[in-house]
């Protein structure tokens, strides 16, 4: 899943693709790099972000969804029901839902739904996140929401532990280390760690200054490939080409040779 933030204030690339023509061009770049899904979002969910008015979010998102949906599967990253409804009408077939509350939209329209765990709201979620058992609490909430969605008729349901959404560095690492607990629910798991703040903190230099978002690619690749090895079915990333290459190498895929036979042996230097 390639990230396409049509916002002026997202933590990593805010403003880069704010104009529709730039966002559409970037979407096609993500497709060329190997994205299976392009995730279009018009409201930042970074820590401290403020809510965007409905009409403004619609203005940002709809032209991009409409332009890209004939070329790739498009998801809409929103917590607003009217935005999800309008984006589906414009061609989106997956609702990426930070609030884990929009399954009725998916049920009405026969589209997929991602339920993400979040403690608090973007304005406050990183102030002082607390859990007794972060893995169990995340699993139980997501399983509960997934059951409600299934009962409503949603056929494609993903769960996302919400790395960085009301979580400390330690919470994030615990969720990644025990990702098998979420995989064991039988629900497909989506993981998003790309360029997030905890990676910058973990890679801070001797001066203790965290790495800025643009320098967090190594950590992004390491956590994405770890998630896939633990059974995640999808990763949400900014750097699609690099992640695709890393995933292929870690997965040791079969290679097709000129004679049409398929070999399971690893080819060095392909």
C-alpha atoms as a PDB file:
ATOM      1  CA  UNK A   1       0.000   0.000   0.000  1.00  0.00           C
ATOM      2  CA  UNK A   2       1.561   3.248  -1.167  1.00  0.00           C
ATOM      3  CA  UNK A   3       0.903   6.370   0.878  1.00  0.00           C
ATOM      4  CA  UNK A   4      -0.449   9.430  -0.921  1.00  0.00           C
ATOM      5  CA  UNK A   5      -1.054  12.298   1.488  1.00  0.00           C
ATOM      6  CA  UNK A   6      -3.007  15.107  -0.156  1.00  0.00           C
ATOM      7  CA  UNK A   7      -2.352  17.379   2.814  1.00  0.00           C
ATOM      8  CA  UNK A   8      -0.235  20.409   3.731  1.00  0.00           C
ATOM      9  CA  UNK A   9       0.737  19.065   7.167  1.00  0.00           C
ATOM     10  CA  UNK A  10       1.445  15.321   7.154  1.00  0.00           C
ATOM     11  CA  UNK A  11       4.492  14.498   9.263  1.00  0.00           C
ATOM     12  CA  UNK A  12       6.737  13.282   6.431  1.00  0.00           C
ATOM     13  CA  UNK A  13       5.599  14.675   3.093  1.00  0.00           C
ATOM     14  CA  UNK A  14       3.033  17.307   3.982  1.00  0.00           C
ATOM     15  CA  UNK A  15       2.551  19.763   1.132  1.00  0.00           C
ATOM     16  CA  UNK A  16       4.488  17.744  -1.433  1.00  0.00           C
ATOM     17  CA  UNK A  17       1.388  16.422  -3.201  1.00  0.00           C
ATOM     18  CA  UNK A  18      -1.201  18.948  -2.013  1.00  0.00           C
ATOM     19  CA  UNK A  19      -2.303  20.057  -5.468  1.00  0.00           C
ATOM     20  CA  UNK A  20      -4.395  17.461  -7.358  1.00  0.00           C
ATOM     21  CA  UNK A  21      -2.171  17.418 -10.441  1.00  0.00           C
ATOM     22  CA  UNK A  22       0.890  16.693  -8.295  1.00  0.00           C
ATOM     23  CA  UNK A  23      -0.949  14.074  -6.261  1.00  0.00           C
ATOM     24  CA  UNK A  24      -2.158  12.273  -9.385  1.00  0.00           C
ATOM     25  CA  UNK A  25       1.361  12.303 -10.817  1.00  0.00           C
ATOM     26  CA  UNK A  26       2.716  10.898  -7.553  1.00  0.00           C
ATOM     27  CA  UNK A  27       0.023   8.221  -7.568  1.00  0.00           C
ATOM     28  CA  UNK A  28       1.156   7.031 -10.975  1.00  0.00           C
ATOM     29  CA  UNK A  29       4.740   6.947  -9.687  1.00  0.00           C
ATOM     30  CA  UNK A  30       3.634   4.704  -6.808  1.00  0.00           C
ATOM     31  CA  UNK A  31       1.900   2.413  -9.281  1.00  0.00           C
ATOM     32  CA  UNK A  32       5.043   2.210 -11.428  1.00  0.00           C
ATOM     33  CA  UNK A  33       7.098   1.382  -8.318  1.00  0.00           C
ATOM     34  CA  UNK A  34       4.887  -1.603  -7.549  1.00  0.00           C
ATOM     35  CA  UNK A  35       2.097  -0.424  -5.249  1.00  0.00           C
ATOM     36  CA  UNK A  36      -0.896  -2.776  -5.244  1.00  0.00           C
ATOM     37  CA  UNK A  37      -3.036  -0.147  -3.518  1.00  0.00           C
ATOM     38  CA  UNK A  38      -2.681   3.634  -3.374  1.00  0.00           C
ATOM     39  CA  UNK A  39      -3.992   5.071  -0.103  1.00  0.00           C
ATOM     40  CA  UNK A  40      -5.322   8.606  -0.560  1.00  0.00           C
ATOM     41  CA  UNK A  41      -5.740  10.753   2.543  1.00  0.00           C
ATOM     42  CA  UNK A  42      -6.849  14.366   2.851  1.00  0.00           C
ATOM     43  CA  UNK A  43      -6.565  14.824   6.616  1.00  0.00           C
ATOM     44  CA  UNK A  44      -3.353  14.302   8.547  1.00  0.00           C
ATOM     45  CA  UNK A  45      -3.553  11.874  11.464  1.00  0.00           C
ATOM     46  CA  UNK A  46      -0.086  12.754  12.803  1.00  0.00           C
ATOM     47  CA  UNK A  47       0.221  13.509  16.533  1.00  0.00           C
ATOM     48  CA  UNK A  48      -1.123  16.990  17.214  1.00  0.00           C
ATOM     49  CA  UNK A  49      -3.034  17.268  13.937  1.00  0.00           C
ATOM     50  CA  UNK A  50      -6.261  19.246  13.874  1.00  0.00           C
ATOM     51  CA  UNK A  51      -9.460  18.182  12.142  1.00  0.00           C
ATOM     52  CA  UNK A  52      -9.988  19.305   8.556  1.00  0.00           C
ATOM     53  CA  UNK A  53     -13.442  20.671   7.578  1.00  0.00           C
ATOM     54  CA  UNK A  54     -15.525  18.192   5.615  1.00  0.00           C
ATOM     55  CA  UNK A  55     -15.754  20.203   2.406  1.00  0.00           C
ATOM     56  CA  UNK A  56     -12.004  20.796   2.364  1.00  0.00           C
ATOM     57  CA  UNK A  57     -11.223  17.107   2.820  1.00  0.00           C
ATOM     58  CA  UNK A  58     -13.609  16.240  -0.007  1.00  0.00           C
ATOM     59  CA  UNK A  59     -11.967  18.861  -2.232  1.00  0.00           C
ATOM     60  CA  UNK A  60      -8.555  17.348  -1.601  1.00  0.00           C
ATOM     61  CA  UNK A  61      -9.433  13.685  -1.979  1.00  0.00           C
ATOM     62  CA  UNK A  62     -12.086  13.190  -4.641  1.00  0.00           C
ATOM     63  CA  UNK A  63     -10.240  14.365  -7.781  1.00  0.00           C
ATOM     64  CA  UNK A  64      -7.290  12.139  -6.907  1.00  0.00           C
ATOM     65  CA  UNK A  65      -9.403   9.062  -6.187  1.00  0.00           C
ATOM     66  CA  UNK A  66     -11.362   9.546  -9.397  1.00  0.00           C
ATOM     67  CA  UNK A  67      -8.219   9.962 -11.507  1.00  0.00           C
ATOM     68  CA  UNK A  68      -6.313   6.983 -10.064  1.00  0.00           C
ATOM     69  CA  UNK A  69      -9.059   4.405  -9.573  1.00  0.00           C
ATOM     70  CA  UNK A  70      -9.108   3.255 -13.233  1.00  0.00           C
ATOM     71  CA  UNK A  71      -5.403   2.402 -12.935  1.00  0.00           C
ATOM     72  CA  UNK A  72      -4.951   0.865  -9.476  1.00  0.00           C
ATOM     73  CA  UNK A  73      -6.922  -0.176  -6.439  1.00  0.00           C
ATOM     74  CA  UNK A  74      -7.512   2.935  -4.346  1.00  0.00           C
ATOM     75  CA  UNK A  75      -8.183   3.152  -0.626  1.00  0.00           C
ATOM     76  CA  UNK A  76      -9.385   6.262   1.135  1.00  0.00           C
ATOM     77  CA  UNK A  77      -7.766   7.166   4.447  1.00  0.00           C
ATOM     78  CA  UNK A  78     -10.462   8.964   6.429  1.00  0.00           C
ATOM     79  CA  UNK A  79     -12.477   8.941   9.636  1.00  0.00           C
ATOM     80  CA  UNK A  80     -15.438  10.840   8.148  1.00  0.00           C
ATOM     81  CA  UNK A  81     -18.389   8.854   6.861  1.00  0.00           C
ATOM     82  CA  UNK A  82     -19.330  11.390   4.144  1.00  0.00           C
ATOM     83  CA  UNK A  83     -15.764  11.360   2.819  1.00  0.00           C
ATOM     84  CA  UNK A  84     -15.717   7.560   2.754  1.00  0.00           C
ATOM     85  CA  UNK A  85     -19.086   7.501   0.965  1.00  0.00           C
ATOM     86  CA  UNK A  86     -17.996  10.040  -1.641  1.00  0.00           C
ATOM     87  CA  UNK A  87     -14.628   8.370  -2.212  1.00  0.00           C
ATOM     88  CA  UNK A  88     -16.276   4.994  -2.791  1.00  0.00           C
ATOM     89  CA  UNK A  89     -18.616   6.636  -5.288  1.00  0.00           C
ATOM     90  CA  UNK A  90     -15.511   8.068  -6.998  1.00  0.00           C
ATOM     91  CA  UNK A  91     -13.889   4.640  -7.299  1.00  0.00           C
ATOM     92  CA  UNK A  92     -12.239   3.694  -3.985  1.00  0.00           C
ATOM     93  CA  UNK A  93     -12.772   0.051  -3.017  1.00  0.00           C
ATOM     94  CA  UNK A  94     -11.166   0.059   0.440  1.00  0.00           C
ATOM     95  CA  UNK A  95     -11.866   2.290   3.442  1.00  0.00           C
ATOM     96  CA  UNK A  96      -8.724   2.737   5.562  1.00  0.00           C
ATOM     97  CA  UNK A  97     -10.273   3.748   8.856  1.00  0.00           C
ATOM     98  CA  UNK A  98      -8.113   5.108  11.666  1.00  0.00           C
ATOM     99  CA  UNK A  99     -11.207   5.313  13.887  1.00  0.00           C
ATOM    100  CA  UNK A 100     -12.257   1.672  13.330  1.00  0.00           C
ATOM    101  CA  UNK A 101     -15.863   2.848  13.104  1.00  0.00           C
ATOM    102  CA  UNK A 102     -16.774   3.104   9.417  1.00  0.00           C
ATOM    103  CA  UNK A 103     -17.714  -0.504   8.703  1.00  0.00           C
ATOM    104  CA  UNK A 104     -21.335   0.514   7.900  1.00  0.00           C
ATOM    105  CA  UNK A 105     -20.017   2.327   4.801  1.00  0.00           C
ATOM    106  CA  UNK A 106     -18.147  -0.774   3.690  1.00  0.00           C
ATOM    107  CA  UNK A 107     -21.220  -2.915   4.345  1.00  0.00           C
ATOM    108  CA  UNK A 108     -23.538  -0.659   2.342  1.00  0.00           C
ATOM    109  CA  UNK A 109     -21.279  -0.524  -0.689  1.00  0.00           C
ATOM    110  CA  UNK A 110     -19.634  -3.935  -0.690  1.00  0.00           C
ATOM    111  CA  UNK A 111     -16.087  -2.599  -0.342  1.00  0.00           C
ATOM    112  CA  UNK A 112     -13.207  -3.561   1.920  1.00  0.00           C
ATOM    113  CA  UNK A 113     -12.505  -2.040   5.323  1.00  0.00           C
ATOM    114  CA  UNK A 114      -9.360  -1.583   7.435  1.00  0.00           C
ATOM    115  CA  UNK A 115      -9.918  -1.263  11.186  1.00  0.00           C
ATOM    116  CA  UNK A 116      -6.989   0.469  12.856  1.00  0.00           C
ATOM    117  CA  UNK A 117      -6.397   0.708  16.591  1.00  0.00           C
ATOM    118  CA  UNK A 118      -5.937   4.162  18.031  1.00  0.00           C
ATOM    119  CA  UNK A 119      -5.934   5.314  21.639  1.00  0.00           C
ATOM    120  CA  UNK A 120      -7.228   8.882  21.850  1.00  0.00           C
ATOM    121  CA  UNK A 121      -7.297  11.393  19.015  1.00  0.00           C
ATOM    122  CA  UNK A 122      -4.443  12.870  16.959  1.00  0.00           C
ATOM    123  CA  UNK A 123      -4.519  15.984  19.125  1.00  0.00           C
ATOM    124  CA  UNK A 124      -3.835  14.036  22.341  1.00  0.00           C
ATOM    125  CA  UNK A 125      -2.918  10.423  21.539  1.00  0.00           C
ATOM    126  CA  UNK A 126       0.816  10.727  22.231  1.00  0.00           C
ATOM    127  CA  UNK A 127       0.500  12.699  25.483  1.00  0.00           C
ATOM    128  CA  UNK A 128       0.648   9.703  27.813  1.00  0.00           C
ATOM    129  CA  UNK A 129      -0.476   6.403  26.235  1.00  0.00           C
ATOM    130  CA  UNK A 130      -1.037   3.627  28.769  1.00  0.00           C
ATOM    131  CA  UNK A 131      -1.979  -0.069  28.548  1.00  0.00           C
ATOM    132  CA  UNK A 132      -1.971  -3.026  30.905  1.00  0.00           C
ATOM    133  CA  UNK A 133      -1.190  -5.369  27.987  1.00  0.00           C
ATOM    134  CA  UNK A 134      -0.930  -3.467  24.712  1.00  0.00           C
ATOM    135  CA  UNK A 135      -1.004  -6.558  22.490  1.00  0.00           C
ATOM    136  CA  UNK A 136      -4.045  -8.114  24.145  1.00  0.00           C
ATOM    137  CA  UNK A 137      -5.934  -4.824  24.275  1.00  0.00           C
ATOM    138  CA  UNK A 138      -5.236  -4.022  20.627  1.00  0.00           C
ATOM    139  CA  UNK A 139      -6.177  -7.544  19.539  1.00  0.00           C
ATOM    140  CA  UNK A 140      -9.400  -7.591  21.529  1.00  0.00           C
ATOM    141  CA  UNK A 141     -10.645  -4.225  20.297  1.00  0.00           C
ATOM    142  CA  UNK A 142      -9.871  -5.014  16.670  1.00  0.00           C
ATOM    143  CA  UNK A 143     -11.422  -8.476  16.890  1.00  0.00           C
ATOM    144  CA  UNK A 144     -14.559  -6.931  18.393  1.00  0.00           C
ATOM    145  CA  UNK A 145     -14.841  -4.328  15.615  1.00  0.00           C
ATOM    146  CA  UNK A 146     -14.154  -6.971  12.975  1.00  0.00           C
ATOM    147  CA  UNK A 147     -16.945  -9.142  14.353  1.00  0.00           C
ATOM    148  CA  UNK A 148     -19.371  -6.210  14.165  1.00  0.00           C
ATOM    149  CA  UNK A 149     -18.320  -5.547  10.570  1.00  0.00           C
ATOM    150  CA  UNK A 150     -18.687  -9.200   9.625  1.00  0.00           C
ATOM    151  CA  UNK A 151     -22.163  -9.304  11.166  1.00  0.00           C
ATOM    152  CA  UNK A 152     -23.045  -6.232   9.097  1.00  0.00           C
ATOM    153  CA  UNK A 153     -21.992  -8.012   5.923  1.00  0.00           C
ATOM    154  CA  UNK A 154     -18.472  -6.718   5.262  1.00  0.00           C
ATOM    155  CA  UNK A 155     -16.591  -9.437   3.417  1.00  0.00           C
ATOM    156  CA  UNK A 156     -13.072  -7.970   3.297  1.00  0.00           C
ATOM    157  CA  UNK A 157     -11.784  -6.916   6.717  1.00  0.00           C
ATOM    158  CA  UNK A 158      -8.207  -5.964   7.599  1.00  0.00           C
ATOM    159  CA  UNK A 159      -6.869  -5.143  11.060  1.00  0.00           C
ATOM    160  CA  UNK A 160      -4.051  -2.688  11.766  1.00  0.00           C
ATOM    161  CA  UNK A 161      -2.400  -2.410  15.218  1.00  0.00           C
ATOM    162  CA  UNK A 162      -1.932   1.332  14.749  1.00  0.00           C
ATOM    163  CA  UNK A 163       1.790   1.675  15.278  1.00  0.00           C
ATOM    164  CA  UNK A 164       2.422   5.184  16.633  1.00  0.00           C
ATOM    165  CA  UNK A 165      -1.258   5.958  17.262  1.00  0.00           C
ATOM    166  CA  UNK A 166      -1.485   6.338  21.012  1.00  0.00           C
ATOM    167  CA  UNK A 167       1.571   4.143  21.555  1.00  0.00           C
ATOM    168  CA  UNK A 168       4.966   4.671  23.158  1.00  0.00           C
ATOM    169  CA  UNK A 169       8.176   3.385  21.569  1.00  0.00           C
ATOM    170  CA  UNK A 170       7.952   0.382  23.882  1.00  0.00           C
ATOM    171  CA  UNK A 171       4.324  -0.269  22.892  1.00  0.00           C
ATOM    172  CA  UNK A 172       5.256  -0.159  19.215  1.00  0.00           C
ATOM    173  CA  UNK A 173       8.117  -2.603  19.686  1.00  0.00           C
ATOM    174  CA  UNK A 174       5.948  -4.970  21.724  1.00  0.00           C
ATOM    175  CA  UNK A 175       3.292  -4.996  18.995  1.00  0.00           C
ATOM    176  CA  UNK A 176       5.892  -5.719  16.323  1.00  0.00           C
ATOM    177  CA  UNK A 177       7.550  -8.438  18.413  1.00  0.00           C
ATOM    178  CA  UNK A 178       4.211 -10.170  19.054  1.00  0.00           C
ATOM    179  CA  UNK A 179       2.561  -9.555  15.710  1.00  0.00           C
ATOM    180  CA  UNK A 180       1.820 -13.278  15.543  1.00  0.00           C
ATOM    181  CA  UNK A 181      -0.908 -12.692  18.144  1.00  0.00           C
ATOM    182  CA  UNK A 182      -2.801 -10.514  15.670  1.00  0.00           C
ATOM    183  CA  UNK A 183      -2.086 -12.876  12.785  1.00  0.00           C
ATOM    184  CA  UNK A 184      -3.510 -15.726  14.885  1.00  0.00           C
ATOM    185  CA  UNK A 185      -6.951 -14.067  14.804  1.00  0.00           C
ATOM    186  CA  UNK A 186      -7.218 -15.251  11.208  1.00  0.00           C
ATOM    187  CA  UNK A 187      -7.850 -11.711  10.000  1.00  0.00           C
ATOM    188  CA  UNK A 188      -5.445 -10.247   7.439  1.00  0.00           C
ATOM    189  CA  UNK A 189      -3.095  -7.781   9.115  1.00  0.00           C
ATOM    190  CA  UNK A 190      -1.937  -4.417   7.746  1.00  0.00           C
ATOM    191  CA  UNK A 191       1.113  -2.794   9.346  1.00  0.00           C
ATOM    192  CA  UNK A 192       2.266   0.795   8.900  1.00  0.00           C
ATOM    193  CA  UNK A 193       5.618   1.834  10.353  1.00  0.00           C
ATOM    194  CA  UNK A 194       6.948   3.904   7.454  1.00  0.00           C
ATOM    195  CA  UNK A 195       9.090   6.874   8.555  1.00  0.00           C
ATOM    196  CA  UNK A 196       7.337   7.029  11.947  1.00  0.00           C
ATOM    197  CA  UNK A 197       8.769   8.897  14.906  1.00  0.00           C
ATOM    198  CA  UNK A 198       9.714   5.846  16.964  1.00  0.00           C
ATOM    199  CA  UNK A 199      12.141   4.816  14.212  1.00  0.00           C
ATOM    200  CA  UNK A 200      13.847   8.195  14.445  1.00  0.00           C
ATOM    201  CA  UNK A 201      14.142   7.839  18.218  1.00  0.00           C
ATOM    202  CA  UNK A 202      15.574   4.331  18.010  1.00  0.00           C
ATOM    203  CA  UNK A 203      18.214   5.487  15.517  1.00  0.00           C
ATOM    204  CA  UNK A 204      19.121   8.707  17.340  1.00  0.00           C
ATOM    205  CA  UNK A 205      22.785   9.628  17.294  1.00  0.00           C
ATOM    206  CA  UNK A 206      25.092  10.182  20.292  1.00  0.00           C
ATOM    207  CA  UNK A 207      23.547  13.625  20.760  1.00  0.00           C
ATOM    208  CA  UNK A 208      20.161  12.028  21.306  1.00  0.00           C
ATOM    209  CA  UNK A 209      18.544  13.925  18.443  1.00  0.00           C
ATOM    210  CA  UNK A 210      16.050  11.668  16.589  1.00  0.00           C
ATOM    211  CA  UNK A 211      16.525  11.149  12.868  1.00  0.00           C
ATOM    212  CA  UNK A 212      14.203  13.254  10.703  1.00  0.00           C
ATOM    213  CA  UNK A 213      11.551  11.461   8.602  1.00  0.00           C
ATOM    214  CA  UNK A 214      13.629  11.531   5.436  1.00  0.00           C
ATOM    215  CA  UNK A 215      16.429   9.557   7.123  1.00  0.00           C
ATOM    216  CA  UNK A 216      14.224   6.747   8.454  1.00  0.00           C
ATOM    217  CA  UNK A 217      14.275   4.460   5.405  1.00  0.00           C
ATOM    218  CA  UNK A 218      16.486   1.735   6.972  1.00  0.00           C
ATOM    219  CA  UNK A 219      14.168   1.394   9.952  1.00  0.00           C
ATOM    220  CA  UNK A 220      11.127   1.517   7.694  1.00  0.00           C
ATOM    221  CA  UNK A 221      12.458  -1.328   5.565  1.00  0.00           C
ATOM    222  CA  UNK A 222      13.522  -3.390   8.563  1.00  0.00           C
ATOM    223  CA  UNK A 223      10.134  -3.154  10.264  1.00  0.00           C
ATOM    224  CA  UNK A 224       8.165  -3.690   7.040  1.00  0.00           C
ATOM    225  CA  UNK A 225      10.050  -6.856   6.143  1.00  0.00           C
ATOM    226  CA  UNK A 226       9.815  -8.063   9.751  1.00  0.00           C
ATOM    227  CA  UNK A 227       6.051  -7.579   9.648  1.00  0.00           C
ATOM    228  CA  UNK A 228       5.758  -9.549   6.420  1.00  0.00           C
ATOM    229  CA  UNK A 229       7.883 -12.369   7.822  1.00  0.00           C
ATOM    230  CA  UNK A 230       5.606 -12.502  10.870  1.00  0.00           C
ATOM    231  CA  UNK A 231       2.557 -12.968   8.659  1.00  0.00           C
ATOM    232  CA  UNK A 232       1.277  -9.480   7.869  1.00  0.00           C
ATOM    233  CA  UNK A 233      -0.582  -9.445   4.581  1.00  0.00           C
ATOM    234  CA  UNK A 234       0.153  -5.843   3.661  1.00  0.00           C
ATOM    235  CA  UNK A 235       2.453  -2.975   4.625  1.00  0.00           C
ATOM    236  CA  UNK A 236       1.649   0.711   4.204  1.00  0.00           C
ATOM    237  CA  UNK A 237       4.725   2.635   3.033  1.00  0.00           C
ATOM    238  CA  UNK A 238       6.045   5.871   1.566  1.00  0.00           C
ATOM    239  CA  UNK A 239       9.002   4.228  -0.208  1.00  0.00           C
ATOM    240  CA  UNK A 240       7.286   1.686  -2.428  1.00  0.00           C
ATOM    241  CA  UNK A 241      10.142   0.685  -4.748  1.00  0.00           C
ATOM    242  CA  UNK A 242      12.604   0.059  -1.912  1.00  0.00           C
ATOM    243  CA  UNK A 243      10.044  -1.887   0.104  1.00  0.00           C
ATOM    244  CA  UNK A 244       9.035  -4.051  -2.850  1.00  0.00           C
ATOM    245  CA  UNK A 245      12.685  -4.931  -3.455  1.00  0.00           C
ATOM    246  CA  UNK A 246      13.295  -5.709   0.219  1.00  0.00           C
ATOM    247  CA  UNK A 247      10.143  -7.822   0.444  1.00  0.00           C
ATOM    248  CA  UNK A 248      11.082  -9.842  -2.630  1.00  0.00           C
ATOM    249  CA  UNK A 249      14.572 -10.509  -1.314  1.00  0.00           C
ATOM    250  CA  UNK A 250      13.381 -11.516   2.154  1.00  0.00           C
ATOM    251  CA  UNK A 251      10.620 -13.670   0.673  1.00  0.00           C
ATOM    252  CA  UNK A 252      13.068 -15.554  -1.571  1.00  0.00           C
ATOM    253  CA  UNK A 253      10.479 -15.853  -4.366  1.00  0.00           C
ATOM    254  CA  UNK A 254      10.668 -18.479  -7.077  1.00  0.00           C
ATOM    255  CA  UNK A 255      12.348 -17.186 -10.210  1.00  0.00           C
ATOM    256  CA  UNK A 256      11.211 -18.050 -13.733  1.00  0.00           C
ATOM    257  CA  UNK A 257      14.016 -19.051 -16.110  1.00  0.00           C
ATOM    258  CA  UNK A 258      14.146 -18.810 -19.862  1.00  0.00           C
ATOM    259  CA  UNK A 259      13.023 -22.411 -20.354  1.00  0.00           C
ATOM    260  CA  UNK A 260       9.804 -21.709 -18.480  1.00  0.00           C
ATOM    261  CA  UNK A 261      10.769 -23.807 -15.476  1.00  0.00           C
ATOM    262  CA  UNK A 262      10.484 -22.298 -12.021  1.00  0.00           C
ATOM    263  CA  UNK A 263      13.377 -22.652  -9.590  1.00  0.00           C
ATOM    264  CA  UNK A 264      13.137 -22.255  -5.836  1.00  0.00           C
ATOM    265  CA  UNK A 265      16.850 -21.710  -5.514  1.00  0.00           C
ATOM    266  CA  UNK A 266      18.054 -18.248  -4.619  1.00  0.00           C
ATOM    267  CA  UNK A 267      19.843 -16.501  -7.449  1.00  0.00           C
ATOM    268  CA  UNK A 268      22.610 -14.232  -6.241  1.00  0.00           C
ATOM    269  CA  UNK A 269      22.853 -10.914  -8.030  1.00  0.00           C
ATOM    270  CA  UNK A 270      19.654 -10.942 -10.080  1.00  0.00           C
END
